[in-house]
Amino acid sequence: MTKNLDQDIVDQLKEGKEALFRTFYLKEQEKFIAWCQKELSLTEEEARDAYQEAQMYLYENIVQGRLDQLTSQLSTYLYSVAKNQVLMKFRKQNTVLKHEDRLNEHLVFLKGTEELGSDKAAAAAQIKREIDHMLEPCKSLLKLFYYESLSFKDIAQRLGYKNDGVAKNQKKRCLDRLRKSTQK
């Protein structure tokens, strides 16, 4: 797309005309997904999510007047937004994963606590007590995932979630609650 066409997309979208933006959205999608997979090592699903989030951010910036005049191509802006969002997500996930790894280790041990040493057994017992005292849906979700080793797809079906992504996100929230309750 040329710089003039890119500016036309911005100008028309600010006027409430979305046709050119839709064309841009569809035209960039596959190229963007391939780029994310190659440059950012994302799965196709993660790349599609990143694309959707970056496009929403771009759309909102234009509509809300934060992006009036382009200083680069619209696609360059889009890729820059996506890269920043993905890097921010990775930083946040790395912090969470450090704590989650410790919790996951303890939760795996819950199936056979009698085989553990006294320190690990005590930690596992504490986590089991915390899970048993959690409110729904966290209590059921964590038990289905860790005790019954169900997939997110099966958990979503059992608990009535829209899809496995919702179950996965809910598990993260539940682990955050569990983490907070065990750090008291």
N, C-alpha and C. Protein backbone atom coordinates (compact mmCIF):
# COMPACT_ATOMS: atom_id res chain seq x y z
N MET A 1 0.85 -1.17 0.00
CA MET A 1 0.00 0.00 0.00
C MET A 1 0.90 1.24 0.00
N THR A 2 0.47 2.23 -0.66
CA THR A 2 1.26 3.46 -0.71
C THR A 2 0.95 4.33 0.50
N LYS A 3 1.82 5.29 0.73
CA LYS A 3 1.65 6.17 1.88
C LYS A 3 0.34 6.96 1.77
N ASN A 4 -0.01 7.40 0.54
CA ASN A 4 -1.27 8.14 0.36
C ASN A 4 -2.47 7.26 0.67
N LEU A 5 -2.43 6.01 0.22
CA LEU A 5 -3.54 5.11 0.50
C LEU A 5 -3.63 4.84 2.00
N ASP A 6 -2.48 4.67 2.65
CA ASP A 6 -2.47 4.47 4.09
C ASP A 6 -3.11 5.66 4.82
N GLN A 7 -2.74 6.87 4.40
CA GLN A 7 -3.32 8.06 5.02
C GLN A 7 -4.82 8.14 4.73
N ASP A 8 -5.24 7.69 3.53
CA ASP A 8 -6.67 7.64 3.21
C ASP A 8 -7.41 6.69 4.15
N ILE A 9 -6.78 5.57 4.46
CA ILE A 9 -7.40 4.62 5.39
C ILE A 9 -7.62 5.30 6.73
N VAL A 10 -6.62 5.98 7.23
CA VAL A 10 -6.72 6.68 8.52
C VAL A 10 -7.81 7.75 8.46
N ASP A 11 -7.77 8.57 7.42
CA ASP A 11 -8.74 9.66 7.29
C ASP A 11 -10.17 9.14 7.20
N GLN A 12 -10.37 8.11 6.39
CA GLN A 12 -11.74 7.59 6.23
C GLN A 12 -12.23 6.90 7.49
N LEU A 13 -11.35 6.21 8.16
CA LEU A 13 -11.76 5.55 9.40
C LEU A 13 -12.16 6.58 10.45
N LYS A 14 -11.46 7.68 10.51
CA LYS A 14 -11.83 8.75 11.45
C LYS A 14 -13.20 9.32 11.11
N GLU A 15 -13.60 9.23 9.84
CA GLU A 15 -14.92 9.70 9.43
C GLU A 15 -15.99 8.63 9.58
N GLY A 16 -15.60 7.46 10.09
CA GLY A 16 -16.57 6.37 10.29
C GLY A 16 -16.72 5.45 9.11
N LYS A 17 -15.91 5.62 8.08
CA LYS A 17 -15.95 4.76 6.90
C LYS A 17 -14.91 3.66 7.05
N GLU A 18 -15.38 2.41 7.14
CA GLU A 18 -14.49 1.31 7.48
C GLU A 18 -14.06 0.44 6.30
N ALA A 19 -14.56 0.68 5.13
CA ALA A 19 -14.29 -0.19 3.98
C ALA A 19 -12.79 -0.35 3.68
N LEU A 20 -12.06 0.76 3.60
CA LEU A 20 -10.63 0.67 3.32
C LEU A 20 -9.87 -0.02 4.45
N PHE A 21 -10.28 0.22 5.68
CA PHE A 21 -9.63 -0.42 6.82
C PHE A 21 -9.85 -1.92 6.77
N ARG A 22 -11.06 -2.36 6.43
CA ARG A 22 -11.34 -3.79 6.29
C ARG A 22 -10.46 -4.43 5.23
N THR A 23 -10.29 -3.72 4.11
CA THR A 23 -9.43 -4.22 3.03
C THR A 23 -7.99 -4.36 3.54
N PHE A 24 -7.52 -3.35 4.24
CA PHE A 24 -6.18 -3.39 4.83
C PHE A 24 -6.06 -4.56 5.80
N TYR A 25 -7.07 -4.74 6.64
CA TYR A 25 -7.08 -5.82 7.63
C TYR A 25 -6.91 -7.18 6.95
N LEU A 26 -7.72 -7.42 5.94
CA LEU A 26 -7.68 -8.71 5.25
C LEU A 26 -6.39 -8.91 4.46
N LYS A 27 -5.91 -7.84 3.84
CA LYS A 27 -4.71 -7.93 3.00
C LYS A 27 -3.47 -8.25 3.83
N GLU A 28 -3.37 -7.71 5.00
CA GLU A 28 -2.17 -7.86 5.83
C GLU A 28 -2.15 -9.14 6.67
N GLN A 29 -3.29 -9.76 6.86
CA GLN A 29 -3.41 -10.83 7.84
C GLN A 29 -2.43 -12.00 7.64
N GLU A 30 -2.43 -12.64 6.50
CA GLU A 30 -1.57 -13.81 6.29
C GLU A 30 -0.09 -13.45 6.33
N LYS A 31 0.26 -12.33 5.74
CA LYS A 31 1.65 -11.88 5.75
C LYS A 31 2.10 -11.62 7.20
N PHE A 32 1.23 -11.00 7.98
CA PHE A 32 1.53 -10.70 9.38
C PHE A 32 1.71 -11.98 10.18
N ILE A 33 0.83 -12.95 9.98
CA ILE A 33 0.90 -14.21 10.73
C ILE A 33 2.21 -14.93 10.41
N ALA A 34 2.58 -14.96 9.14
CA ALA A 34 3.85 -15.59 8.74
C ALA A 34 5.03 -14.86 9.40
N TRP A 35 4.96 -13.55 9.44
CA TRP A 35 6.02 -12.75 10.06
C TRP A 35 6.13 -13.07 11.55
N CYS A 36 5.01 -13.13 12.24
CA CYS A 36 5.01 -13.43 13.67
C CYS A 36 5.59 -14.81 13.95
N GLN A 37 5.23 -15.77 13.11
CA GLN A 37 5.75 -17.12 13.31
C GLN A 37 7.26 -17.16 13.10
N LYS A 38 7.73 -16.44 12.09
CA LYS A 38 9.16 -16.46 11.78
C LYS A 38 9.97 -15.59 12.74
N GLU A 39 9.57 -14.35 12.90
CA GLU A 39 10.35 -13.39 13.67
C GLU A 39 10.14 -13.45 15.18
N LEU A 40 8.93 -13.81 15.59
CA LEU A 40 8.63 -13.81 17.03
C LEU A 40 8.43 -15.21 17.59
N SER A 41 8.57 -16.22 16.73
CA SER A 41 8.44 -17.63 17.13
C SER A 41 7.09 -17.94 17.79
N LEU A 42 6.03 -17.36 17.25
CA LEU A 42 4.70 -17.62 17.77
C LEU A 42 4.06 -18.78 17.01
N THR A 43 3.12 -19.46 17.67
CA THR A 43 2.32 -20.46 16.97
C THR A 43 1.33 -19.72 16.09
N GLU A 44 0.68 -20.43 15.21
CA GLU A 44 -0.30 -19.77 14.33
C GLU A 44 -1.41 -19.14 15.16
N GLU A 45 -1.87 -19.85 16.17
CA GLU A 45 -2.95 -19.32 17.02
C GLU A 45 -2.50 -18.06 17.75
N GLU A 46 -1.29 -18.08 18.30
CA GLU A 46 -0.76 -16.91 18.98
C GLU A 46 -0.59 -15.74 18.02
N ALA A 47 -0.14 -16.06 16.79
CA ALA A 47 0.04 -15.02 15.77
C ALA A 47 -1.31 -14.41 15.39
N ARG A 48 -2.33 -15.24 15.27
CA ARG A 48 -3.67 -14.72 14.95
C ARG A 48 -4.19 -13.82 16.08
N ASP A 49 -3.96 -14.24 17.32
CA ASP A 49 -4.36 -13.43 18.47
C ASP A 49 -3.60 -12.10 18.46
N ALA A 50 -2.30 -12.17 18.19
CA ALA A 50 -1.47 -10.95 18.15
C ALA A 50 -1.97 -10.02 17.05
N TYR A 51 -2.34 -10.59 15.92
CA TYR A 51 -2.84 -9.78 14.81
C TYR A 51 -4.13 -9.06 15.21
N GLN A 52 -5.03 -9.82 15.80
CA GLN A 52 -6.31 -9.24 16.23
C GLN A 52 -6.08 -8.11 17.23
N GLU A 53 -5.22 -8.35 18.21
CA GLU A 53 -4.96 -7.33 19.23
C GLU A 53 -4.31 -6.09 18.63
N ALA A 54 -3.35 -6.30 17.73
CA ALA A 54 -2.66 -5.16 17.11
C ALA A 54 -3.62 -4.36 16.24
N GLN A 55 -4.48 -5.04 15.50
CA GLN A 55 -5.45 -4.34 14.66
C GLN A 55 -6.45 -3.57 15.52
N MET A 56 -6.86 -4.17 16.63
CA MET A 56 -7.79 -3.46 17.52
C MET A 56 -7.13 -2.20 18.08
N TYR A 57 -5.87 -2.33 18.47
CA TYR A 57 -5.13 -1.19 19.00
C TYR A 57 -5.00 -0.10 17.94
N LEU A 58 -4.65 -0.50 16.73
CA LEU A 58 -4.53 0.44 15.61
C LEU A 58 -5.86 1.13 15.35
N TYR A 59 -6.92 0.35 15.27
CA TYR A 59 -8.26 0.88 15.04
C TYR A 59 -8.64 1.91 16.10
N GLU A 60 -8.44 1.53 17.37
CA GLU A 60 -8.80 2.44 18.47
C GLU A 60 -7.97 3.72 18.43
N ASN A 61 -6.69 3.60 18.13
CA ASN A 61 -5.84 4.79 18.05
C ASN A 61 -6.30 5.74 16.96
N ILE A 62 -6.73 5.20 15.85
CA ILE A 62 -7.21 6.05 14.76
C ILE A 62 -8.55 6.69 15.14
N VAL A 63 -9.49 5.88 15.58
CA VAL A 63 -10.83 6.36 15.89
C VAL A 63 -10.80 7.38 17.04
N GLN A 64 -9.93 7.17 18.01
CA GLN A 64 -9.87 8.06 19.17
C GLN A 64 -8.94 9.25 18.93
N GLY A 65 -8.39 9.37 17.74
CA GLY A 65 -7.60 10.54 17.38
C GLY A 65 -6.16 10.54 17.86
N ARG A 66 -5.67 9.42 18.36
CA ARG A 66 -4.28 9.35 18.80
C ARG A 66 -3.32 9.15 17.63
N LEU A 67 -3.87 8.72 16.50
CA LEU A 67 -3.07 8.55 15.29
C LEU A 67 -3.76 9.33 14.18
N ASP A 68 -3.27 10.52 13.92
CA ASP A 68 -3.86 11.38 12.88
C ASP A 68 -3.02 11.36 11.61
N GLN A 69 -1.76 11.61 11.78
CA GLN A 69 -0.85 11.77 10.65
C GLN A 69 0.18 10.65 10.68
N LEU A 70 0.26 9.90 9.61
CA LEU A 70 1.22 8.80 9.54
C LEU A 70 2.63 9.32 9.27
N THR A 71 3.59 8.74 9.98
CA THR A 71 4.99 9.06 9.72
C THR A 71 5.70 7.85 9.09
N SER A 72 4.96 6.76 8.96
CA SER A 72 5.47 5.55 8.33
C SER A 72 4.30 4.86 7.64
N GLN A 73 4.57 3.74 7.03
CA GLN A 73 3.48 3.00 6.41
C GLN A 73 2.59 2.44 7.52
N LEU A 74 1.33 2.26 7.21
CA LEU A 74 0.38 1.75 8.18
C LEU A 74 0.78 0.34 8.63
N SER A 75 1.27 -0.47 7.71
CA SER A 75 1.69 -1.82 8.06
C SER A 75 2.89 -1.79 9.01
N THR A 76 3.80 -0.85 8.84
CA THR A 76 4.95 -0.71 9.72
C THR A 76 4.48 -0.38 11.13
N TYR A 77 3.52 0.51 11.23
CA TYR A 77 2.94 0.87 12.52
C TYR A 77 2.30 -0.37 13.17
N LEU A 78 1.55 -1.13 12.37
CA LEU A 78 0.88 -2.33 12.86
C LEU A 78 1.89 -3.34 13.40
N TYR A 79 2.96 -3.59 12.66
CA TYR A 79 3.96 -4.56 13.07
C TYR A 79 4.68 -4.09 14.35
N SER A 80 4.92 -2.81 14.44
CA SER A 80 5.57 -2.25 15.61
C SER A 80 4.70 -2.43 16.84
N VAL A 81 3.42 -2.17 16.69
CA VAL A 81 2.47 -2.35 17.79
C VAL A 81 2.47 -3.81 18.22
N ALA A 82 2.39 -4.71 17.26
CA ALA A 82 2.34 -6.14 17.58
C ALA A 82 3.60 -6.59 18.29
N LYS A 83 4.73 -6.15 17.79
CA LYS A 83 6.00 -6.56 18.41
C LYS A 83 6.07 -6.08 19.85
N ASN A 84 5.68 -4.83 20.10
CA ASN A 84 5.68 -4.31 21.47
C ASN A 84 4.71 -5.06 22.37
N GLN A 85 3.52 -5.37 21.84
CA GLN A 85 2.54 -6.10 22.64
C GLN A 85 3.02 -7.50 22.98
N VAL A 86 3.61 -8.18 22.00
CA VAL A 86 4.11 -9.54 22.22
C VAL A 86 5.26 -9.52 23.24
N LEU A 87 6.18 -8.59 23.10
CA LEU A 87 7.30 -8.51 24.04
C LEU A 87 6.82 -8.21 25.45
N MET A 88 5.83 -7.33 25.57
CA MET A 88 5.26 -7.01 26.88
C MET A 88 4.61 -8.26 27.50
N LYS A 89 3.89 -9.01 26.66
CA LYS A 89 3.24 -10.23 27.13
C LYS A 89 4.28 -11.25 27.60
N PHE A 90 5.37 -11.40 26.83
CA PHE A 90 6.43 -12.34 27.20
C PHE A 90 7.06 -11.95 28.53
N ARG A 91 7.31 -10.67 28.73
CA ARG A 91 7.90 -10.22 29.99
C ARG A 91 6.97 -10.56 31.16
N LYS A 92 5.69 -10.29 30.96
CA LYS A 92 4.71 -10.55 32.00
C LYS A 92 4.60 -12.06 32.26
N GLN A 93 4.58 -12.86 31.19
CA GLN A 93 4.47 -14.30 31.34
C GLN A 93 5.70 -14.89 32.01
N ASN A 94 6.88 -14.37 31.70
CA ASN A 94 8.09 -14.88 32.34
C ASN A 94 8.05 -14.70 33.84
N THR A 95 7.54 -13.55 34.28
CA THR A 95 7.41 -13.30 35.71
C THR A 95 6.42 -14.27 36.32
N VAL A 96 5.28 -14.44 35.67
CA VAL A 96 4.26 -15.36 36.16
C VAL A 96 4.78 -16.79 36.12
N LEU A 97 5.47 -17.17 35.05
CA LEU A 97 5.95 -18.54 34.90
C LEU A 97 6.94 -18.93 35.98
N LYS A 98 7.76 -17.99 36.42
CA LYS A 98 8.70 -18.30 37.49
C LYS A 98 7.96 -18.78 38.73
N HIS A 99 6.87 -18.09 39.08
CA HIS A 99 6.08 -18.48 40.24
C HIS A 99 5.22 -19.69 39.92
N GLU A 100 4.68 -19.73 38.72
CA GLU A 100 3.79 -20.82 38.33
C GLU A 100 4.55 -22.15 38.27
N ASP A 101 5.80 -22.12 37.86
CA ASP A 101 6.59 -23.35 37.81
C ASP A 101 6.69 -23.97 39.20
N ARG A 102 6.91 -23.13 40.20
CA ARG A 102 6.98 -23.66 41.57
C ARG A 102 5.64 -24.26 41.98
N LEU A 103 4.56 -23.56 41.66
CA LEU A 103 3.24 -24.09 42.00
C LEU A 103 2.94 -25.37 41.25
N ASN A 104 3.26 -25.39 39.97
CA ASN A 104 3.01 -26.59 39.17
C ASN A 104 3.75 -27.79 39.73
N GLU A 105 4.99 -27.57 40.15
CA GLU A 105 5.77 -28.65 40.73
C GLU A 105 5.06 -29.21 41.95
N HIS A 106 4.55 -28.32 42.80
CA HIS A 106 3.85 -28.78 44.00
C HIS A 106 2.54 -29.47 43.64
N LEU A 107 1.84 -28.93 42.67
CA LEU A 107 0.55 -29.52 42.30
C LEU A 107 0.72 -30.91 41.70
N VAL A 108 1.78 -31.12 40.96
CA VAL A 108 2.05 -32.45 40.40
C VAL A 108 2.30 -33.44 41.53
N PHE A 109 2.96 -32.98 42.58
CA PHE A 109 3.26 -33.86 43.70
C PHE A 109 2.02 -34.23 44.52
N LEU A 110 0.95 -33.49 44.36
CA LEU A 110 -0.25 -33.76 45.16
C LEU A 110 -0.80 -35.16 44.94
N LYS A 111 -0.52 -35.72 43.78
CA LYS A 111 -1.03 -37.07 43.49
C LYS A 111 -0.33 -38.13 44.33
N GLY A 112 0.87 -37.86 44.80
CA GLY A 112 1.61 -38.86 45.56
C GLY A 112 2.42 -38.24 46.67
N THR A 113 1.77 -37.54 47.59
CA THR A 113 2.50 -36.81 48.61
C THR A 113 3.27 -37.71 49.56
N GLU A 114 2.83 -38.97 49.76
CA GLU A 114 3.53 -39.83 50.70
C GLU A 114 4.95 -40.16 50.23
N GLU A 115 5.21 -40.00 48.93
CA GLU A 115 6.53 -40.28 48.39
C GLU A 115 7.48 -39.08 48.54
N LEU A 116 6.99 -37.97 48.97
CA LEU A 116 7.80 -36.75 49.03
C LEU A 116 8.52 -36.61 50.36
N GLY A 117 9.56 -35.81 50.35
CA GLY A 117 10.24 -35.46 51.59
C GLY A 117 9.34 -34.58 52.43
N SER A 118 9.70 -34.32 53.66
CA SER A 118 8.83 -33.60 54.58
C SER A 118 8.54 -32.17 54.12
N ASP A 119 9.54 -31.43 53.58
CA ASP A 119 9.30 -30.05 53.15
C ASP A 119 8.34 -30.01 51.97
N LYS A 120 8.58 -30.86 50.98
CA LYS A 120 7.70 -30.87 49.81
C LYS A 120 6.32 -31.38 50.17
N ALA A 121 6.26 -32.35 51.06
CA ALA A 121 4.96 -32.88 51.49
C ALA A 121 4.15 -31.80 52.20
N ALA A 122 4.82 -31.00 53.01
CA ALA A 122 4.12 -29.92 53.73
C ALA A 122 3.61 -28.87 52.74
N ALA A 123 4.44 -28.52 51.76
CA ALA A 123 4.02 -27.54 50.75
C ALA A 123 2.86 -28.10 49.93
N ALA A 124 2.95 -29.36 49.56
CA ALA A 124 1.88 -29.98 48.78
C ALA A 124 0.59 -30.02 49.58
N ALA A 125 0.70 -30.34 50.85
CA ALA A 125 -0.49 -30.38 51.71
C ALA A 125 -1.12 -29.00 51.83
N GLN A 126 -0.28 -27.98 51.96
CA GLN A 126 -0.79 -26.60 52.04
C GLN A 126 -1.54 -26.24 50.76
N ILE A 127 -0.95 -26.56 49.63
CA ILE A 127 -1.59 -26.24 48.35
C ILE A 127 -2.90 -27.01 48.20
N LYS A 128 -2.90 -28.28 48.59
CA LYS A 128 -4.13 -29.08 48.50
C LYS A 128 -5.22 -28.46 49.37
N ARG A 129 -4.85 -28.03 50.60
CA ARG A 129 -5.84 -27.37 51.48
C ARG A 129 -6.38 -26.10 50.84
N GLU A 130 -5.48 -25.30 50.25
CA GLU A 130 -5.89 -24.05 49.61
C GLU A 130 -6.85 -24.32 48.45
N ILE A 131 -6.55 -25.33 47.65
CA ILE A 131 -7.45 -25.67 46.53
C ILE A 131 -8.80 -26.11 47.06
N ASP A 132 -8.79 -26.95 48.10
CA ASP A 132 -10.05 -27.44 48.67
C ASP A 132 -10.91 -26.30 49.22
N HIS A 133 -10.28 -25.19 49.64
CA HIS A 133 -11.02 -24.06 50.20
C HIS A 133 -11.34 -22.98 49.15
N MET A 134 -10.89 -23.16 47.92
CA MET A 134 -11.15 -22.16 46.88
C MET A 134 -12.62 -22.20 46.49
N LEU A 135 -13.08 -21.08 45.99
CA LEU A 135 -14.44 -21.00 45.48
C LEU A 135 -14.48 -21.55 44.06
N GLU A 136 -15.67 -21.88 43.61
CA GLU A 136 -15.84 -22.31 42.23
C GLU A 136 -15.72 -21.10 41.32
N PRO A 137 -15.27 -21.22 40.12
CA PRO A 137 -14.95 -22.43 39.39
C PRO A 137 -13.50 -22.88 39.58
N CYS A 138 -12.71 -22.11 40.34
CA CYS A 138 -11.29 -22.43 40.48
C CYS A 138 -11.06 -23.80 41.09
N LYS A 139 -11.81 -24.12 42.11
CA LYS A 139 -11.64 -25.40 42.78
C LYS A 139 -11.79 -26.55 41.78
N SER A 140 -12.87 -26.56 41.03
CA SER A 140 -13.12 -27.62 40.05
C SER A 140 -12.11 -27.60 38.92
N LEU A 141 -11.83 -26.41 38.42
CA LEU A 141 -10.92 -26.29 37.28
C LEU A 141 -9.53 -26.83 37.61
N LEU A 142 -8.97 -26.41 38.74
CA LEU A 142 -7.63 -26.88 39.11
C LEU A 142 -7.61 -28.38 39.38
N LYS A 143 -8.66 -28.90 40.00
CA LYS A 143 -8.72 -30.34 40.25
C LYS A 143 -8.82 -31.12 38.93
N LEU A 144 -9.64 -30.61 38.01
CA LEU A 144 -9.75 -31.29 36.70
C LEU A 144 -8.42 -31.27 35.95
N PHE A 145 -7.73 -30.15 36.02
CA PHE A 145 -6.47 -30.02 35.29
C PHE A 145 -5.35 -30.83 35.94
N TYR A 146 -5.17 -30.66 37.27
CA TYR A 146 -4.02 -31.28 37.94
C TYR A 146 -4.29 -32.70 38.43
N TYR A 147 -5.47 -32.97 38.95
CA TYR A 147 -5.73 -34.31 39.48
C TYR A 147 -6.18 -35.28 38.40
N GLU A 148 -7.04 -34.81 37.50
CA GLU A 148 -7.56 -35.70 36.47
C GLU A 148 -6.82 -35.56 35.14
N SER A 149 -5.91 -34.60 35.07
CA SER A 149 -5.08 -34.37 33.87
C SER A 149 -5.91 -34.20 32.59
N LEU A 150 -7.04 -33.50 32.72
CA LEU A 150 -7.88 -33.26 31.56
C LEU A 150 -7.31 -32.14 30.70
N SER A 151 -7.60 -32.18 29.41
CA SER A 151 -7.17 -31.12 28.50
C SER A 151 -8.07 -29.90 28.73
N PHE A 152 -7.61 -28.76 28.22
CA PHE A 152 -8.42 -27.54 28.35
C PHE A 152 -9.74 -27.68 27.58
N LYS A 153 -9.71 -28.41 26.50
CA LYS A 153 -10.93 -28.63 25.72
C LYS A 153 -11.96 -29.40 26.55
N ASP A 154 -11.50 -30.47 27.23
CA ASP A 154 -12.40 -31.25 28.08
C ASP A 154 -12.89 -30.44 29.27
N ILE A 155 -12.00 -29.65 29.84
CA ILE A 155 -12.39 -28.80 30.98
C ILE A 155 -13.45 -27.79 30.53
N ALA A 156 -13.24 -27.19 29.36
CA ALA A 156 -14.21 -26.21 28.84
C ALA A 156 -15.58 -26.86 28.68
N GLN A 157 -15.61 -28.06 28.16
CA GLN A 157 -16.89 -28.76 27.99
C GLN A 157 -17.54 -29.08 29.34
N ARG A 158 -16.74 -29.58 30.27
CA ARG A 158 -17.27 -29.96 31.58
C ARG A 158 -17.80 -28.77 32.36
N LEU A 159 -17.07 -27.64 32.28
CA LEU A 159 -17.46 -26.48 33.08
C LEU A 159 -18.31 -25.47 32.31
N GLY A 160 -18.60 -25.77 31.04
CA GLY A 160 -19.49 -24.91 30.27
C GLY A 160 -18.86 -23.65 29.73
N TYR A 161 -17.53 -23.66 29.52
CA TYR A 161 -16.86 -22.51 28.94
C TYR A 161 -17.03 -22.54 27.42
N LYS A 162 -16.92 -21.38 26.83
CA LYS A 162 -17.11 -21.23 25.39
C LYS A 162 -16.10 -22.05 24.58
N ASN A 163 -14.82 -22.04 25.02
CA ASN A 163 -13.78 -22.81 24.32
C ASN A 163 -12.61 -23.05 25.25
N ASP A 164 -11.60 -23.76 24.73
CA ASP A 164 -10.45 -24.10 25.56
C ASP A 164 -9.62 -22.88 25.94
N GLY A 165 -9.64 -21.85 25.12
CA GLY A 165 -8.93 -20.62 25.45
C GLY A 165 -9.48 -19.95 26.70
N VAL A 166 -10.79 -19.99 26.86
CA VAL A 166 -11.42 -19.43 28.05
C VAL A 166 -11.00 -20.24 29.29
N ALA A 167 -10.98 -21.56 29.14
CA ALA A 167 -10.56 -22.42 30.25
C ALA A 167 -9.11 -22.15 30.63
N LYS A 168 -8.27 -21.95 29.63
CA LYS A 168 -6.84 -21.68 29.86
C LYS A 168 -6.67 -20.36 30.60
N ASN A 169 -7.39 -19.33 30.17
CA ASN A 169 -7.32 -18.03 30.84
C ASN A 169 -7.84 -18.10 32.27
N GLN A 170 -8.92 -18.87 32.46
CA GLN A 170 -9.48 -19.01 33.81
C GLN A 170 -8.49 -19.74 34.71
N LYS A 171 -7.78 -20.73 34.17
CA LYS A 171 -6.77 -21.45 34.96
C LYS A 171 -5.68 -20.49 35.42
N LYS A 172 -5.26 -19.59 34.54
CA LYS A 172 -4.24 -18.61 34.92
C LYS A 172 -4.73 -17.74 36.08
N ARG A 173 -5.98 -17.29 35.98
CA ARG A 173 -6.54 -16.47 37.06
C ARG A 173 -6.63 -17.27 38.37
N CYS A 174 -7.01 -18.54 38.24
CA CYS A 174 -7.11 -19.39 39.42
C CYS A 174 -5.74 -19.63 40.05
N LEU A 175 -4.73 -19.84 39.23
CA LEU A 175 -3.37 -20.00 39.75
C LEU A 175 -2.88 -18.74 40.44
N ASP A 176 -3.26 -17.59 39.90
CA ASP A 176 -2.91 -16.33 40.56
C ASP A 176 -3.53 -16.27 41.95
N ARG A 177 -4.80 -16.65 42.04
CA ARG A 177 -5.48 -16.65 43.34
C ARG A 177 -4.81 -17.64 44.29
N LEU A 178 -4.49 -18.82 43.77
CA LEU A 178 -3.84 -19.84 44.58
C LEU A 178 -2.47 -19.36 45.04
N ARG A 179 -1.73 -18.75 44.14
CA ARG A 179 -0.40 -18.23 44.46
C ARG A 179 -0.50 -17.21 45.60
N LYS A 180 -1.46 -16.30 45.48
CA LYS A 180 -1.63 -15.27 46.51
C LYS A 180 -2.02 -15.87 47.85
N SER A 181 -2.87 -16.88 47.82
CA SER A 181 -3.31 -17.48 49.07
C SER A 181 -2.21 -18.30 49.73
N THR A 182 -1.28 -18.84 48.96
CA THR A 182 -0.18 -19.63 49.56
C THR A 182 0.98 -18.75 49.99
N GLN A 183 0.99 -17.47 49.61
CA GLN A 183 2.08 -16.58 49.98
C GLN A 183 1.76 -15.79 51.24
N LYS A 184 0.63 -16.03 51.85
CA LYS A 184 0.24 -15.28 53.04
C LYS A 184 1.15 -15.59 54.20
